Amino acid sequence: MSTLKIYHNPRCSKSREALKLLEENGAQAEVIKYLDTPPNENEIRNILQMLGISARDLMRTKEAIYKELNLKEVKNDDTLIKAMAEHPKLIERPIVIKDNKAVIGRPPVKVLDLLNA
């Protein structure tokens, strides 16, 4: 049996849509409200590895905190990962993880590819 997790923000329409798609397809997912329970740096590294993307690709670059922290100029992934751990609002959502694979649910239908994999 596979494990399924969704890093979810209930205020985000894309995150709500992705969760609804999971439920409609009978998937039982552990819902992690990542703004309340943010992933630590190691968890973010694991997520990045499963996604196969860079730290910057996981960031919401239009958030005010991104500009406030001047993260556009940062070249070091470790610094970006630390910023996401300290400011989870910077993390793109939703992230759905099944076993050792992950997708960002943008658009939300991408979660179905992961379910069917």
Protein backbone atom coordinates (compact mmCIF):
# COMPACT_ATOMS: atom_id res chain seq x y z
CA MET A 1 0.00 0.00 0.00
CA SER A 2 1.38 3.39 -0.96
CA THR A 3 1.51 6.41 1.27
CA LEU A 4 0.03 9.65 0.07
CA LYS A 5 0.58 13.14 1.49
CA ILE A 6 -0.55 16.57 0.41
CA TYR A 7 1.08 19.77 1.58
CA HIS A 8 -2.07 21.84 1.63
CA ASN A 9 -3.17 25.43 2.13
CA PRO A 10 -6.96 25.50 2.62
CA ARG A 11 -7.07 29.17 1.51
CA CYS A 12 -5.58 28.29 -1.91
CA SER A 13 -8.08 27.35 -4.63
CA LYS A 14 -5.54 25.16 -6.47
CA SER A 15 -4.76 23.32 -3.26
CA ARG A 16 -8.47 22.78 -2.54
CA GLU A 17 -9.01 21.54 -6.11
CA ALA A 18 -6.12 19.07 -5.84
CA LEU A 19 -7.41 17.71 -2.52
CA LYS A 20 -10.89 17.35 -4.01
CA LEU A 21 -9.48 15.42 -6.98
CA LEU A 22 -7.66 13.07 -4.63
CA GLU A 23 -10.84 12.48 -2.62
CA GLU A 24 -12.98 11.99 -5.74
CA ASN A 25 -10.56 9.31 -6.89
CA GLY A 26 -10.74 7.45 -3.58
CA ALA A 27 -7.27 8.43 -2.44
CA GLN A 28 -6.72 8.69 1.29
CA ALA A 29 -4.06 11.35 1.81
CA GLU A 30 -2.42 12.66 4.93
CA VAL A 31 -3.21 16.38 4.82
CA ILE A 32 -0.36 18.55 6.04
CA LYS A 33 -1.35 22.18 6.52
CA TYR A 34 2.18 23.34 5.89
CA LEU A 35 1.60 26.92 7.03
CA ASP A 36 0.68 25.56 10.48
CA THR A 37 3.24 22.73 10.46
CA PRO A 38 6.04 23.83 8.13
CA PRO A 39 8.50 21.29 6.75
CA ASN A 40 12.03 21.58 8.10
CA GLU A 41 15.08 22.03 5.89
CA ASN A 42 15.67 18.27 5.51
CA GLU A 43 12.03 17.67 4.56
CA ILE A 44 12.27 20.42 1.94
CA ARG A 45 15.45 18.84 0.55
CA ASN A 46 13.65 15.48 0.29
CA ILE A 47 10.69 17.11 -1.44
CA LEU A 48 13.01 18.85 -3.91
CA GLN A 49 14.73 15.55 -4.66
CA MET A 50 11.38 13.82 -5.28
CA LEU A 51 10.26 16.69 -7.51
CA GLY A 52 13.59 16.84 -9.33
CA ILE A 53 13.67 20.64 -9.23
CA SER A 54 15.80 23.39 -7.72
CA ALA A 55 14.93 25.26 -4.55
CA ARG A 56 14.00 28.37 -6.53
CA ASP A 57 11.56 26.34 -8.64
CA LEU A 58 9.66 25.47 -5.46
CA MET A 59 9.36 29.11 -4.39
CA ARG A 60 6.47 31.51 -4.75
CA THR A 61 8.49 34.38 -6.14
CA LYS A 62 5.59 36.84 -6.14
CA GLU A 63 5.12 36.72 -2.37
CA ALA A 64 5.98 39.93 -0.53
CA ILE A 65 8.38 38.08 1.79
CA TYR A 66 10.38 36.93 -1.26
CA LYS A 67 10.99 40.55 -2.18
CA GLU A 68 11.53 41.65 1.44
CA LEU A 69 14.27 39.04 1.92
CA ASN A 70 15.82 39.97 -1.44
CA LEU A 71 15.82 36.30 -2.44
CA LYS A 72 16.00 37.07 -6.15
CA GLU A 73 19.71 37.79 -5.71
CA VAL A 74 20.43 34.58 -3.74
CA LYS A 75 22.26 31.89 -5.73
CA ASN A 76 22.71 29.35 -2.93
CA ASP A 77 20.05 26.60 -2.62
CA ASP A 78 20.85 26.15 1.09
CA THR A 79 19.90 29.77 1.76
CA LEU A 80 16.67 29.41 -0.24
CA ILE A 81 15.75 26.18 1.57
CA LYS A 82 16.38 27.86 4.94
CA ALA A 83 14.13 30.76 3.88
CA MET A 84 11.32 28.34 2.93
CA ALA A 85 11.64 26.51 6.26
CA GLU A 86 11.44 29.82 8.14
CA HIS A 87 8.75 31.32 5.89
CA PRO A 88 6.56 28.47 4.58
CA LYS A 89 4.42 30.97 2.68
CA LEU A 90 7.27 30.90 0.14
CA ILE A 91 6.60 27.24 -0.73
CA GLU A 92 4.59 26.54 -3.87
CA ARG A 93 1.45 24.52 -3.30
CA PRO A 94 -0.06 22.03 -3.32
CA ILE A 95 2.63 19.37 -3.22
CA VAL A 96 1.42 15.79 -3.40
CA ILE A 97 3.74 12.92 -2.50
CA LYS A 98 3.16 9.27 -3.27
CA ASP A 99 5.87 6.93 -2.05
CA ASN A 100 9.09 8.52 -3.38
CA LYS A 101 7.54 10.64 -6.11
CA ALA A 102 6.04 14.09 -5.90
CA VAL A 103 4.24 16.67 -8.03
CA ILE A 104 3.24 20.26 -7.60
CA GLY A 105 -0.50 20.35 -8.27
CA ARG A 106 -0.43 23.24 -10.72
CA PRO A 107 -2.63 22.63 -12.53
CA PRO A 108 -4.44 20.42 -10.00
CA VAL A 109 -4.99 17.60 -12.53
CA LYS A 110 -1.26 16.84 -12.28
CA VAL A 111 -2.04 14.97 -9.06
CA LEU A 112 -3.95 12.39 -11.10
CA ASP A 113 -0.75 11.53 -13.02
CA LEU A 114 0.90 10.75 -9.70
CA LEU A 115 -2.06 8.66 -8.53
CA ASN A 116 -1.98 6.59 -11.70
CA ALA A 117 1.81 6.14 -11.70
